[in-house]
Amino acid sequence: MPPAPGTAKGFVFLLVEDETGLVNVVVRPDLYQAQRSIIRGESYLCVEGTVQLHSGTLNLLATTTTRSATSPAAQARSPRAPERNGAPGNPHDKREAASAELALATPASRDFH
């Protein structure tokens, strides 16, 4: 397996986009080596980690990466279970609470389009 990039002491930096915007993802060298095929090979990637806001820059320090449940490869393996508590405003929906917390930490949009 080829080594990680020769700069930044083996750290890998990704720019991930979803319907809410962009986020910088920092991947440690050991995580990159362990999950290189997923990080490099998947068109849909699920990244879990710690959000860091430093000097006005929002980063996600990756702790794990997996194939996204919405990726074509993942959908071919098994059908997706319906989402529970999918109604907006549901106080028990953990995704909605996490999204609200992230919105507080995210700087205002700089979309000039």
N, C-alpha and C. Protein backbone atom coordinates (compact mmCIF):
# COMPACT_ATOMS: atom_id res chain seq x y z
N MET A 1 0.85 -1.18 0.00
CA MET A 1 0.00 0.00 0.00
C MET A 1 0.89 1.23 0.00
N PRO A 2 0.63 2.17 -0.88
CA PRO A 2 1.44 3.39 -0.91
C PRO A 2 1.30 4.16 0.40
N PRO A 3 2.33 4.89 0.77
CA PRO A 3 2.25 5.65 2.02
C PRO A 3 1.28 6.82 1.89
N ALA A 4 0.96 7.38 3.03
CA ALA A 4 0.11 8.58 3.06
C ALA A 4 0.86 9.73 2.40
N PRO A 5 0.19 10.83 2.13
CA PRO A 5 0.86 11.97 1.49
C PRO A 5 2.14 12.37 2.22
N GLY A 6 3.11 12.86 1.47
CA GLY A 6 4.41 13.19 2.03
C GLY A 6 4.46 14.52 2.76
N THR A 7 3.35 15.20 2.89
CA THR A 7 3.32 16.47 3.59
C THR A 7 2.48 16.34 4.85
N ALA A 8 2.54 17.30 5.70
CA ALA A 8 1.71 17.39 6.90
C ALA A 8 1.87 16.19 7.82
N LYS A 9 3.05 15.61 7.84
CA LYS A 9 3.37 14.49 8.74
C LYS A 9 2.39 13.33 8.60
N GLY A 10 1.91 13.08 7.40
CA GLY A 10 1.01 11.96 7.14
C GLY A 10 -0.45 12.25 7.37
N PHE A 11 -0.81 13.42 7.88
CA PHE A 11 -2.22 13.76 8.07
C PHE A 11 -2.86 13.98 6.70
N VAL A 12 -4.11 13.58 6.57
CA VAL A 12 -4.84 13.75 5.33
C VAL A 12 -5.97 14.74 5.59
N PHE A 13 -6.17 15.66 4.66
CA PHE A 13 -7.20 16.68 4.79
C PHE A 13 -8.22 16.48 3.68
N LEU A 14 -9.48 16.40 4.07
CA LEU A 14 -10.57 16.22 3.12
C LEU A 14 -11.50 17.43 3.21
N LEU A 15 -12.15 17.73 2.13
CA LEU A 15 -13.20 18.74 2.13
C LEU A 15 -14.48 18.00 1.77
N VAL A 16 -15.38 17.90 2.73
CA VAL A 16 -16.60 17.12 2.56
C VAL A 16 -17.78 18.09 2.43
N GLU A 17 -18.68 17.77 1.51
CA GLU A 17 -19.83 18.62 1.26
C GLU A 17 -21.11 17.82 1.38
N ASP A 18 -22.12 18.44 2.00
CA ASP A 18 -23.47 17.90 1.97
C ASP A 18 -24.42 19.04 1.67
N GLU A 19 -25.72 18.81 1.84
CA GLU A 19 -26.69 19.84 1.46
C GLU A 19 -26.62 21.08 2.35
N THR A 20 -25.94 20.99 3.49
CA THR A 20 -25.84 22.15 4.38
C THR A 20 -24.57 22.97 4.16
N GLY A 21 -23.59 22.43 3.48
CA GLY A 21 -22.37 23.18 3.21
C GLY A 21 -21.12 22.30 3.23
N LEU A 22 -19.98 22.94 3.46
CA LEU A 22 -18.68 22.28 3.43
C LEU A 22 -18.08 22.20 4.82
N VAL A 23 -17.27 21.18 5.05
CA VAL A 23 -16.53 21.07 6.30
C VAL A 23 -15.16 20.45 6.00
N ASN A 24 -14.14 20.96 6.69
CA ASN A 24 -12.80 20.40 6.59
C ASN A 24 -12.72 19.18 7.50
N VAL A 25 -12.16 18.09 6.99
CA VAL A 25 -12.00 16.88 7.79
C VAL A 25 -10.51 16.59 7.90
N VAL A 26 -10.03 16.39 9.13
CA VAL A 26 -8.63 16.06 9.39
C VAL A 26 -8.58 14.59 9.77
N VAL A 27 -7.78 13.81 9.03
CA VAL A 27 -7.65 12.37 9.27
C VAL A 27 -6.24 12.07 9.75
N ARG A 28 -6.13 11.48 10.94
CA ARG A 28 -4.83 11.10 11.50
C ARG A 28 -4.17 10.02 10.63
N PRO A 29 -2.84 9.95 10.64
CA PRO A 29 -2.13 8.96 9.81
C PRO A 29 -2.55 7.52 10.11
N ASP A 30 -2.73 7.16 11.40
CA ASP A 30 -3.11 5.78 11.73
C ASP A 30 -4.51 5.44 11.23
N LEU A 31 -5.44 6.38 11.31
CA LEU A 31 -6.79 6.16 10.81
C LEU A 31 -6.77 6.04 9.29
N TYR A 32 -5.97 6.87 8.63
CA TYR A 32 -5.87 6.81 7.18
C TYR A 32 -5.33 5.45 6.73
N GLN A 33 -4.31 4.97 7.39
CA GLN A 33 -3.74 3.66 7.01
C GLN A 33 -4.75 2.54 7.24
N ALA A 34 -5.50 2.60 8.34
CA ALA A 34 -6.46 1.55 8.67
C ALA A 34 -7.67 1.56 7.74
N GLN A 35 -8.08 2.74 7.28
CA GLN A 35 -9.32 2.85 6.50
C GLN A 35 -9.10 3.49 5.14
N ARG A 36 -7.90 3.32 4.61
CA ARG A 36 -7.52 3.96 3.34
C ARG A 36 -8.45 3.59 2.20
N SER A 37 -8.82 2.32 2.09
CA SER A 37 -9.67 1.90 0.97
C SER A 37 -11.04 2.56 1.02
N ILE A 38 -11.56 2.77 2.21
CA ILE A 38 -12.85 3.45 2.34
C ILE A 38 -12.70 4.93 2.03
N ILE A 39 -11.69 5.56 2.61
CA ILE A 39 -11.48 6.99 2.43
C ILE A 39 -11.22 7.32 0.96
N ARG A 40 -10.42 6.52 0.30
CA ARG A 40 -10.07 6.81 -1.10
C ARG A 40 -11.08 6.28 -2.11
N GLY A 41 -11.81 5.21 -1.73
CA GLY A 41 -12.62 4.52 -2.73
C GLY A 41 -14.10 4.81 -2.73
N GLU A 42 -14.62 5.40 -1.68
CA GLU A 42 -16.06 5.62 -1.60
C GLU A 42 -16.45 7.00 -2.12
N SER A 43 -17.51 7.04 -2.91
CA SER A 43 -18.01 8.34 -3.36
C SER A 43 -18.94 8.95 -2.32
N TYR A 44 -19.49 8.12 -1.42
CA TYR A 44 -20.32 8.59 -0.31
C TYR A 44 -19.64 8.11 0.97
N LEU A 45 -19.26 9.04 1.81
CA LEU A 45 -18.48 8.71 3.00
C LEU A 45 -19.15 9.24 4.25
N CYS A 46 -19.21 8.44 5.28
CA CYS A 46 -19.73 8.87 6.57
C CYS A 46 -18.52 9.04 7.50
N VAL A 47 -18.36 10.24 8.05
CA VAL A 47 -17.23 10.53 8.92
C VAL A 47 -17.76 10.92 10.30
N GLU A 48 -17.23 10.26 11.33
CA GLU A 48 -17.57 10.62 12.70
C GLU A 48 -16.31 11.18 13.34
N GLY A 49 -16.51 12.15 14.24
CA GLY A 49 -15.36 12.74 14.89
C GLY A 49 -15.74 13.86 15.83
N THR A 50 -14.77 14.67 16.15
CA THR A 50 -14.94 15.78 17.07
C THR A 50 -14.89 17.09 16.30
N VAL A 51 -15.90 17.93 16.54
CA VAL A 51 -15.93 19.24 15.89
C VAL A 51 -15.00 20.18 16.63
N GLN A 52 -14.17 20.89 15.87
CA GLN A 52 -13.21 21.83 16.45
C GLN A 52 -13.38 23.17 15.75
N LEU A 53 -13.61 24.21 16.54
CA LEU A 53 -13.68 25.56 16.01
C LEU A 53 -12.47 26.30 16.55
N HIS A 54 -11.54 26.63 15.64
CA HIS A 54 -10.29 27.26 16.06
C HIS A 54 -9.99 28.42 15.12
N SER A 55 -9.87 29.60 15.66
CA SER A 55 -9.57 30.81 14.89
C SER A 55 -10.56 31.02 13.74
N GLY A 56 -11.82 30.73 14.00
CA GLY A 56 -12.85 30.94 12.99
C GLY A 56 -12.95 29.85 11.94
N THR A 57 -12.15 28.79 12.05
CA THR A 57 -12.19 27.70 11.09
C THR A 57 -12.82 26.47 11.74
N LEU A 58 -13.79 25.89 11.06
CA LEU A 58 -14.48 24.71 11.56
C LEU A 58 -13.84 23.47 10.95
N ASN A 59 -13.39 22.56 11.80
CA ASN A 59 -12.79 21.30 11.35
C ASN A 59 -13.49 20.15 12.04
N LEU A 60 -13.47 19.01 11.38
CA LEU A 60 -13.94 17.77 11.99
C LEU A 60 -12.72 16.87 12.11
N LEU A 61 -12.33 16.55 13.35
CA LEU A 61 -11.20 15.65 13.59
C LEU A 61 -11.75 14.23 13.54
N ALA A 62 -11.50 13.51 12.47
CA ALA A 62 -12.10 12.21 12.23
C ALA A 62 -11.62 11.17 13.24
N THR A 63 -12.58 10.40 13.75
CA THR A 63 -12.24 9.26 14.60
C THR A 63 -12.56 7.95 13.90
N THR A 64 -13.51 7.97 12.97
CA THR A 64 -13.85 6.79 12.20
C THR A 64 -14.50 7.21 10.88
N THR A 65 -14.31 6.40 9.86
CA THR A 65 -14.98 6.60 8.58
C THR A 65 -15.62 5.29 8.18
N THR A 66 -16.80 5.38 7.57
CA THR A 66 -17.50 4.19 7.09
C THR A 66 -18.16 4.53 5.76
N ARG A 67 -18.57 3.50 5.07
CA ARG A 67 -19.35 3.70 3.87
C ARG A 67 -20.69 4.28 4.30
N SER A 68 -21.16 5.29 3.61
CA SER A 68 -22.44 5.90 3.95
C SER A 68 -23.57 4.94 3.64
N ALA A 69 -24.60 4.96 4.47
CA ALA A 69 -25.76 4.11 4.23
C ALA A 69 -26.48 4.49 2.95
N THR A 70 -26.23 5.70 2.44
CA THR A 70 -26.88 6.13 1.20
C THR A 70 -26.04 5.84 -0.03
N SER A 71 -24.84 5.25 0.15
CA SER A 71 -24.01 4.96 -1.01
C SER A 71 -24.64 3.83 -1.83
N PRO A 72 -24.47 3.84 -3.13
CA PRO A 72 -25.02 2.77 -3.95
C PRO A 72 -24.53 1.39 -3.53
N ALA A 73 -23.26 1.29 -3.10
CA ALA A 73 -22.73 0.00 -2.66
C ALA A 73 -23.41 -0.47 -1.39
N ALA A 74 -23.64 0.43 -0.45
CA ALA A 74 -24.29 0.07 0.80
C ALA A 74 -25.75 -0.29 0.57
N GLN A 75 -26.43 0.43 -0.32
CA GLN A 75 -27.83 0.12 -0.60
C GLN A 75 -27.97 -1.22 -1.29
N ALA A 76 -26.99 -1.61 -2.09
CA ALA A 76 -27.04 -2.90 -2.75
C ALA A 76 -26.87 -4.05 -1.76
N ARG A 77 -26.11 -3.79 -0.67
CA ARG A 77 -25.88 -4.84 0.34
C ARG A 77 -27.13 -5.12 1.17
N SER A 78 -27.84 -4.08 1.57
CA SER A 78 -29.02 -4.28 2.39
C SER A 78 -29.96 -3.10 2.24
N PRO A 79 -31.26 -3.37 2.29
CA PRO A 79 -32.19 -2.25 2.20
C PRO A 79 -32.12 -1.38 3.44
N ARG A 80 -32.37 -0.10 3.27
CA ARG A 80 -32.29 0.84 4.37
C ARG A 80 -33.60 0.81 5.18
N ALA A 81 -33.45 0.72 6.48
CA ALA A 81 -34.62 0.75 7.35
C ALA A 81 -35.21 2.15 7.35
N PRO A 82 -36.52 2.27 7.49
CA PRO A 82 -37.10 3.61 7.52
C PRO A 82 -36.61 4.39 8.73
N GLU A 83 -36.45 5.70 8.56
CA GLU A 83 -35.98 6.53 9.66
C GLU A 83 -37.09 6.69 10.69
N ARG A 84 -36.72 6.60 11.94
CA ARG A 84 -37.69 6.80 13.02
C ARG A 84 -37.71 8.27 13.40
N ASN A 85 -38.83 8.71 13.87
CA ASN A 85 -38.98 10.09 14.34
C ASN A 85 -38.57 11.09 13.28
N GLY A 86 -38.99 10.87 12.04
CA GLY A 86 -38.57 11.72 10.95
C GLY A 86 -39.29 13.05 10.85
N ALA A 87 -40.27 13.29 11.71
CA ALA A 87 -41.03 14.53 11.63
C ALA A 87 -40.22 15.69 12.19
N PRO A 88 -40.15 16.82 11.47
CA PRO A 88 -39.42 17.98 11.99
C PRO A 88 -40.04 18.47 13.30
N GLY A 89 -39.19 18.89 14.21
CA GLY A 89 -39.67 19.41 15.49
C GLY A 89 -39.85 18.35 16.55
N ASN A 90 -39.51 17.11 16.25
CA ASN A 90 -39.65 16.05 17.24
C ASN A 90 -38.58 16.22 18.31
N PRO A 91 -38.95 16.40 19.58
CA PRO A 91 -37.96 16.64 20.63
C PRO A 91 -37.09 15.43 20.94
N HIS A 92 -37.46 14.25 20.45
CA HIS A 92 -36.68 13.04 20.73
C HIS A 92 -35.73 12.66 19.60
N ASP A 93 -35.71 13.45 18.55
CA ASP A 93 -34.86 13.17 17.39
C ASP A 93 -33.45 13.69 17.67
N LYS A 94 -32.51 12.78 17.93
CA LYS A 94 -31.14 13.16 18.27
C LYS A 94 -30.43 13.85 17.11
N ARG A 95 -30.79 13.49 15.88
CA ARG A 95 -30.16 14.14 14.72
C ARG A 95 -30.50 15.61 14.67
N GLU A 96 -31.75 15.93 15.00
CA GLU A 96 -32.17 17.32 14.97
C GLU A 96 -31.45 18.14 16.05
N ALA A 97 -31.28 17.56 17.24
CA ALA A 97 -30.56 18.25 18.31
C ALA A 97 -29.10 18.46 17.93
N ALA A 98 -28.47 17.46 17.34
CA ALA A 98 -27.07 17.58 16.92
C ALA A 98 -26.93 18.64 15.84
N SER A 99 -27.89 18.70 14.92
CA SER A 99 -27.85 19.69 13.86
C SER A 99 -27.95 21.10 14.44
N ALA A 100 -28.78 21.28 15.46
CA ALA A 100 -28.93 22.59 16.09
C ALA A 100 -27.64 23.01 16.77
N GLU A 101 -26.96 22.06 17.44
CA GLU A 101 -25.69 22.37 18.10
C GLU A 101 -24.63 22.75 17.08
N LEU A 102 -24.58 22.03 15.97
CA LEU A 102 -23.60 22.32 14.93
C LEU A 102 -23.87 23.68 14.29
N ALA A 103 -25.14 24.04 14.15
CA ALA A 103 -25.48 25.34 13.57
C ALA A 103 -24.95 26.48 14.43
N LEU A 104 -24.92 26.28 15.74
CA LEU A 104 -24.39 27.31 16.63
C LEU A 104 -22.88 27.47 16.46
N ALA A 105 -22.19 26.39 16.16
CA ALA A 105 -20.73 26.43 16.02
C ALA A 105 -20.28 26.79 14.62
N THR A 106 -21.16 26.71 13.65
CA THR A 106 -20.80 26.96 12.27
C THR A 106 -20.82 28.45 11.97
N PRO A 107 -19.76 28.98 11.35
CA PRO A 107 -19.77 30.40 10.99
C PRO A 107 -20.83 30.69 9.92
N ALA A 108 -21.21 31.93 9.80
CA ALA A 108 -22.21 32.32 8.81
C ALA A 108 -21.73 31.96 7.40
N SER A 109 -22.66 31.68 6.54
CA SER A 109 -22.33 31.29 5.17
C SER A 109 -21.61 32.40 4.43
N ARG A 110 -20.68 32.01 3.59
CA ARG A 110 -19.98 32.95 2.74
C ARG A 110 -20.21 32.60 1.27
N ASP A 111 -21.42 32.18 0.98
CA ASP A 111 -21.79 31.77 -0.36
C ASP A 111 -22.07 33.01 -1.21
N PHE A 112 -21.24 33.26 -2.20
CA PHE A 112 -21.36 34.45 -3.02
C PHE A 112 -21.99 34.15 -4.37
N HIS A 113 -22.63 33.00 -4.53
CA HIS A 113 -23.21 32.63 -5.82
C HIS A 113 -24.53 33.32 -6.03
